[in-house]
Amino acid sequence: MDIKPIQNEADYKAALKAVSPYFENEPKPGSAEGDFFEGMLALISAYQANTFPIHM
């Protein structure tokens, strides 16, 4: 389970696919899977904020 920066649409789609199973069966916090899930969600959130900004 490698965590890599999300730099483009292909990376973004791959990241979403990688975390998708964890929404059905959320991993235990602090476990290797839990750390991966949290790290990927942070990267996905940052990519979304930069790529799809909400202007108010």
PDB file of N, CA and C in Angstrom:
ATOM      1  N   MET A   1       0.845  -1.182   0.000  1.00  0.00           N
ATOM      2  CA  MET A   1       0.000   0.000   0.000  1.00  0.00           C
ATOM      3  C   MET A   1       0.887   1.240   0.000  1.00  0.00           C
ATOM      4  N   ASP A   2       1.094   1.766  -1.166  1.00  0.00           N
ATOM      5  CA  ASP A   2       1.897   2.973  -1.289  1.00  0.00           C
ATOM      6  C   ASP A   2       0.993   4.192  -1.346  1.00  0.00           C
ATOM      7  N   ILE A   3       1.405   5.230  -0.655  1.00  0.00           N
ATOM      8  CA  ILE A   3       0.705   6.507  -0.722  1.00  0.00           C
ATOM      9  C   ILE A   3       1.562   7.435  -1.564  1.00  0.00           C
ATOM     10  N   LYS A   4       0.986   7.897  -2.682  1.00  0.00           N
ATOM     11  CA  LYS A   4       1.707   8.773  -3.599  1.00  0.00           C
ATOM     12  C   LYS A   4       0.871  10.022  -3.849  1.00  0.00           C
ATOM     13  N   PRO A   5       1.511  11.129  -4.200  1.00  0.00           N
ATOM     14  CA  PRO A   5       0.768  12.351  -4.496  1.00  0.00           C
ATOM     15  C   PRO A   5      -0.229  12.138  -5.637  1.00  0.00           C
ATOM     16  N   ILE A   6      -1.325  12.855  -5.575  1.00  0.00           N
ATOM     17  CA  ILE A   6      -2.321  12.827  -6.647  1.00  0.00           C
ATOM     18  C   ILE A   6      -2.036  14.044  -7.520  1.00  0.00           C
ATOM     19  N   GLN A   7      -1.568  13.788  -8.735  1.00  0.00           N
ATOM     20  CA  GLN A   7      -1.126  14.876  -9.604  1.00  0.00           C
ATOM     21  C   GLN A   7      -2.008  15.099 -10.820  1.00  0.00           C
ATOM     22  N   ASN A   8      -2.901  14.159 -11.106  1.00  0.00           N
ATOM     23  CA  ASN A   8      -3.741  14.307 -12.293  1.00  0.00           C
ATOM     24  C   ASN A   8      -5.011  13.472 -12.131  1.00  0.00           C
ATOM     25  N   GLU A   9      -5.868  13.543 -13.147  1.00  0.00           N
ATOM     26  CA  GLU A   9      -7.158  12.851 -13.097  1.00  0.00           C
ATOM     27  C   GLU A   9      -6.992  11.334 -12.956  1.00  0.00           C
ATOM     28  N   ALA A  10      -6.010  10.769 -13.630  1.00  0.00           N
ATOM     29  CA  ALA A  10      -5.781   9.320 -13.538  1.00  0.00           C
ATOM     30  C   ALA A  10      -5.381   8.924 -12.118  1.00  0.00           C
ATOM     31  N   ASP A  11      -4.504   9.704 -11.495  1.00  0.00           N
ATOM     32  CA  ASP A  11      -4.109   9.444 -10.105  1.00  0.00           C
ATOM     33  C   ASP A  11      -5.317   9.555  -9.178  1.00  0.00           C
ATOM     34  N   TYR A  12      -6.157  10.557  -9.433  1.00  0.00           N
ATOM     35  CA  TYR A  12      -7.349  10.796  -8.621  1.00  0.00           C
ATOM     36  C   TYR A  12      -8.300   9.600  -8.703  1.00  0.00           C
ATOM     37  N   LYS A  13      -8.554   9.125  -9.918  1.00  0.00           N
ATOM     38  CA  LYS A  13      -9.440   7.977 -10.092  1.00  0.00           C
ATOM     39  C   LYS A  13      -8.864   6.727  -9.433  1.00  0.00           C
ATOM     40  N   ALA A  14      -7.559   6.543  -9.544  1.00  0.00           N
ATOM     41  CA  ALA A  14      -6.906   5.392  -8.908  1.00  0.00           C
ATOM     42  C   ALA A  14      -7.016   5.481  -7.385  1.00  0.00           C
ATOM     43  N   ALA A  15      -6.874   6.681  -6.847  1.00  0.00           N
ATOM     44  CA  ALA A  15      -6.985   6.876  -5.400  1.00  0.00           C
ATOM     45  C   ALA A  15      -8.404   6.572  -4.918  1.00  0.00           C
ATOM     46  N   LEU A  16      -9.395   7.049  -5.664  1.00  0.00           N
ATOM     47  CA  LEU A  16     -10.783   6.764  -5.296  1.00  0.00           C
ATOM     48  C   LEU A  16     -11.061   5.263  -5.324  1.00  0.00           C
ATOM     49  N   LYS A  17     -10.533   4.588  -6.326  1.00  0.00           N
ATOM     50  CA  LYS A  17     -10.712   3.139  -6.435  1.00  0.00           C
ATOM     51  C   LYS A  17     -10.029   2.416  -5.273  1.00  0.00           C
ATOM     52  N   ALA A  18      -8.863   2.910  -4.874  1.00  0.00           N
ATOM     53  CA  ALA A  18      -8.102   2.274  -3.794  1.00  0.00           C
ATOM     54  C   ALA A  18      -8.815   2.367  -2.449  1.00  0.00           C
ATOM     55  N   VAL A  19      -9.495   3.480  -2.189  1.00  0.00           N
ATOM     56  CA  VAL A  19     -10.155   3.653  -0.887  1.00  0.00           C
ATOM     57  C   VAL A  19     -11.600   3.176  -0.878  1.00  0.00           C
ATOM     58  N   SER A  20     -12.173   2.958  -2.029  1.00  0.00           N
ATOM     59  CA  SER A  20     -13.580   2.582  -2.126  1.00  0.00           C
ATOM     60  C   SER A  20     -13.971   1.407  -1.224  1.00  0.00           C
ATOM     61  N   PRO A  21     -13.206   0.324  -1.179  1.00  0.00           N
ATOM     62  CA  PRO A  21     -13.600  -0.807  -0.316  1.00  0.00           C
ATOM     63  C   PRO A  21     -13.645  -0.456   1.172  1.00  0.00           C
ATOM     64  N   TYR A  22     -12.882   0.537   1.579  1.00  0.00           N
ATOM     65  CA  TYR A  22     -12.823   0.895   2.995  1.00  0.00           C
ATOM     66  C   TYR A  22     -14.085   1.601   3.484  1.00  0.00           C
ATOM     67  N   PHE A  23     -14.924   2.085   2.568  1.00  0.00           N
ATOM     68  CA  PHE A  23     -16.173   2.704   2.992  1.00  0.00           C
ATOM     69  C   PHE A  23     -17.194   1.640   3.399  1.00  0.00           C
ATOM     70  N   GLU A  24     -17.072   0.450   2.849  1.00  0.00           N
ATOM     71  CA  GLU A  24     -17.951  -0.669   3.214  1.00  0.00           C
ATOM     72  C   GLU A  24     -17.500  -1.321   4.517  1.00  0.00           C
ATOM     73  N   ASN A  25     -16.190  -1.383   4.723  1.00  0.00           N
ATOM     74  CA  ASN A  25     -15.616  -2.045   5.890  1.00  0.00           C
ATOM     75  C   ASN A  25     -14.448  -1.186   6.390  1.00  0.00           C
ATOM     76  N   GLU A  26     -14.782  -0.155   7.153  1.00  0.00           N
ATOM     77  CA  GLU A  26     -13.768   0.813   7.586  1.00  0.00           C
ATOM     78  C   GLU A  26     -12.699   0.149   8.460  1.00  0.00           C
ATOM     79  N   PRO A  27     -11.434   0.403   8.136  1.00  0.00           N
ATOM     80  CA  PRO A  27     -10.352  -0.225   8.902  1.00  0.00           C
ATOM     81  C   PRO A  27     -10.201   0.387  10.295  1.00  0.00           C
ATOM     82  N   LYS A  28      -9.570  -0.371  11.164  1.00  0.00           N
ATOM     83  CA  LYS A  28      -9.334   0.072  12.535  1.00  0.00           C
ATOM     84  C   LYS A  28      -8.318   1.216  12.534  1.00  0.00           C
ATOM     85  N   PRO A  29      -8.628   2.339  13.214  1.00  0.00           N
ATOM     86  CA  PRO A  29      -7.658   3.441  13.306  1.00  0.00           C
ATOM     87  C   PRO A  29      -6.342   2.962  13.915  1.00  0.00           C
ATOM     88  N   GLY A  30      -5.249   3.414  13.341  1.00  0.00           N
ATOM     89  CA  GLY A  30      -3.934   3.047  13.839  1.00  0.00           C
ATOM     90  C   GLY A  30      -3.359   1.790  13.204  1.00  0.00           C
ATOM     91  N   SER A  31      -4.209   1.035  12.499  1.00  0.00           N
ATOM     92  CA  SER A  31      -3.709  -0.146  11.791  1.00  0.00           C
ATOM     93  C   SER A  31      -3.063   0.311  10.487  1.00  0.00           C
ATOM     94  N   ALA A  32      -2.348  -0.575   9.833  1.00  0.00           N
ATOM     95  CA  ALA A  32      -1.725  -0.225   8.550  1.00  0.00           C
ATOM     96  C   ALA A  32      -2.789   0.202   7.543  1.00  0.00           C
ATOM     97  N   GLU A  33      -3.904  -0.527   7.509  1.00  0.00           N
ATOM     98  CA  GLU A  33      -4.989  -0.176   6.596  1.00  0.00           C
ATOM     99  C   GLU A  33      -5.639   1.144   6.993  1.00  0.00           C
ATOM    100  N   GLY A  34      -5.791   1.366   8.287  1.00  0.00           N
ATOM    101  CA  GLY A  34      -6.369   2.616   8.769  1.00  0.00           C
ATOM    102  C   GLY A  34      -5.496   3.810   8.440  1.00  0.00           C
ATOM    103  N   ASP A  35      -4.193   3.654   8.596  1.00  0.00           N
ATOM    104  CA  ASP A  35      -3.265   4.739   8.253  1.00  0.00           C
ATOM    105  C   ASP A  35      -3.294   5.023   6.757  1.00  0.00           C
ATOM    106  N   PHE A  36      -3.349   3.960   5.947  1.00  0.00           N
ATOM    107  CA  PHE A  36      -3.439   4.118   4.497  1.00  0.00           C
ATOM    108  C   PHE A  36      -4.719   4.865   4.134  1.00  0.00           C
ATOM    109  N   PHE A  37      -5.844   4.448   4.709  1.00  0.00           N
ATOM    110  CA  PHE A  37      -7.141   5.062   4.433  1.00  0.00           C
ATOM    111  C   PHE A  37      -7.120   6.547   4.789  1.00  0.00           C
ATOM    112  N   GLU A  38      -6.644   6.876   5.973  1.00  0.00           N
ATOM    113  CA  GLU A  38      -6.579   8.278   6.404  1.00  0.00           C
ATOM    114  C   GLU A  38      -5.668   9.106   5.507  1.00  0.00           C
ATOM    115  N   GLY A  39      -4.509   8.568   5.171  1.00  0.00           N
ATOM    116  CA  GLY A  39      -3.575   9.285   4.310  1.00  0.00           C
ATOM    117  C   GLY A  39      -4.146   9.530   2.930  1.00  0.00           C
ATOM    118  N   MET A  40      -4.782   8.507   2.372  1.00  0.00           N
ATOM    119  CA  MET A  40      -5.369   8.657   1.041  1.00  0.00           C
ATOM    120  C   MET A  40      -6.525   9.651   1.059  1.00  0.00           C
ATOM    121  N   LEU A  41      -7.339   9.625   2.108  1.00  0.00           N
ATOM    122  CA  LEU A  41      -8.444  10.581   2.194  1.00  0.00           C
ATOM    123  C   LEU A  41      -7.929  12.013   2.274  1.00  0.00           C
ATOM    124  N   ALA A  42      -6.826  12.225   2.966  1.00  0.00           N
ATOM    125  CA  ALA A  42      -6.237  13.562   3.045  1.00  0.00           C
ATOM    126  C   ALA A  42      -5.753  14.012   1.670  1.00  0.00           C
ATOM    127  N   LEU A  43      -5.108  13.119   0.937  1.00  0.00           N
ATOM    128  CA  LEU A  43      -4.639  13.462  -0.408  1.00  0.00           C
ATOM    129  C   LEU A  43      -5.806  13.722  -1.356  1.00  0.00           C
ATOM    130  N   ILE A  44      -6.834  12.894  -1.274  1.00  0.00           N
ATOM    131  CA  ILE A  44      -8.015  13.074  -2.120  1.00  0.00           C
ATOM    132  C   ILE A  44      -8.682  14.404  -1.811  1.00  0.00           C
ATOM    133  N   SER A  45      -8.826  14.722  -0.542  1.00  0.00           N
ATOM    134  CA  SER A  45      -9.443  15.981  -0.132  1.00  0.00           C
ATOM    135  C   SER A  45      -8.655  17.180  -0.643  1.00  0.00           C
ATOM    136  N   ALA A  46      -7.344  17.126  -0.533  1.00  0.00           N
ATOM    137  CA  ALA A  46      -6.499  18.226  -1.013  1.00  0.00           C
ATOM    138  C   ALA A  46      -6.614  18.371  -2.524  1.00  0.00           C
ATOM    139  N   TYR A  47      -6.612  17.262  -3.238  1.00  0.00           N
ATOM    140  CA  TYR A  47      -6.734  17.317  -4.698  1.00  0.00           C
ATOM    141  C   TYR A  47      -8.086  17.914  -5.085  1.00  0.00           C
ATOM    142  N   GLN A  48      -9.146  17.484  -4.423  1.00  0.00           N
ATOM    143  CA  GLN A  48     -10.478  18.002  -4.722  1.00  0.00           C
ATOM    144  C   GLN A  48     -10.563  19.500  -4.448  1.00  0.00           C
ATOM    145  N   ALA A  49      -9.994  19.947  -3.361  1.00  0.00           N
ATOM    146  CA  ALA A  49     -10.033  21.370  -3.013  1.00  0.00           C
ATOM    147  C   ALA A  49      -9.303  22.217  -4.050  1.00  0.00           C
ATOM    148  N   ASN A  50      -8.206  21.697  -4.578  1.00  0.00           N
ATOM    149  CA  ASN A  50      -7.432  22.442  -5.571  1.00  0.00           C
ATOM    150  C   ASN A  50      -8.012  22.338  -6.973  1.00  0.00           C
ATOM    151  N   THR A  51      -8.632  21.232  -7.287  1.00  0.00           N
ATOM    152  CA  THR A  51      -9.115  20.989  -8.641  1.00  0.00           C
ATOM    153  C   THR A  51     -10.564  21.417  -8.834  1.00  0.00           C
ATOM    154  N   PHE A  52     -11.361  21.277  -7.803  1.00  0.00           N
ATOM    155  CA  PHE A  52     -12.783  21.597  -7.883  1.00  0.00           C
ATOM    156  C   PHE A  52     -13.151  22.619  -6.805  1.00  0.00           C
ATOM    157  N   PRO A  53     -12.588  23.826  -6.872  1.00  0.00           N
ATOM    158  CA  PRO A  53     -12.855  24.809  -5.812  1.00  0.00           C
ATOM    159  C   PRO A  53     -14.321  25.251  -5.809  1.00  0.00           C
ATOM    160  N   ILE A  54     -14.794  25.562  -4.628  1.00  0.00           N
ATOM    161  CA  ILE A  54     -16.144  26.092  -4.467  1.00  0.00           C
ATOM    162  C   ILE A  54     -15.998  27.583  -4.194  1.00  0.00           C
ATOM    163  N   HIS A  55     -16.509  28.384  -5.118  1.00  0.00           N
ATOM    164  CA  HIS A  55     -16.412  29.841  -4.975  1.00  0.00           C
ATOM    165  C   HIS A  55     -17.684  30.368  -4.330  1.00  0.00           C
ATOM    166  N   MET A  56     -17.503  31.160  -3.301  1.00  0.00           N
ATOM    167  CA  MET A  56     -18.660  31.732  -2.610  1.00  0.00           C
ATOM    168  C   MET A  56     -18.670  33.226  -2.781  1.00  0.00           C
TER     169      MET A  56
END
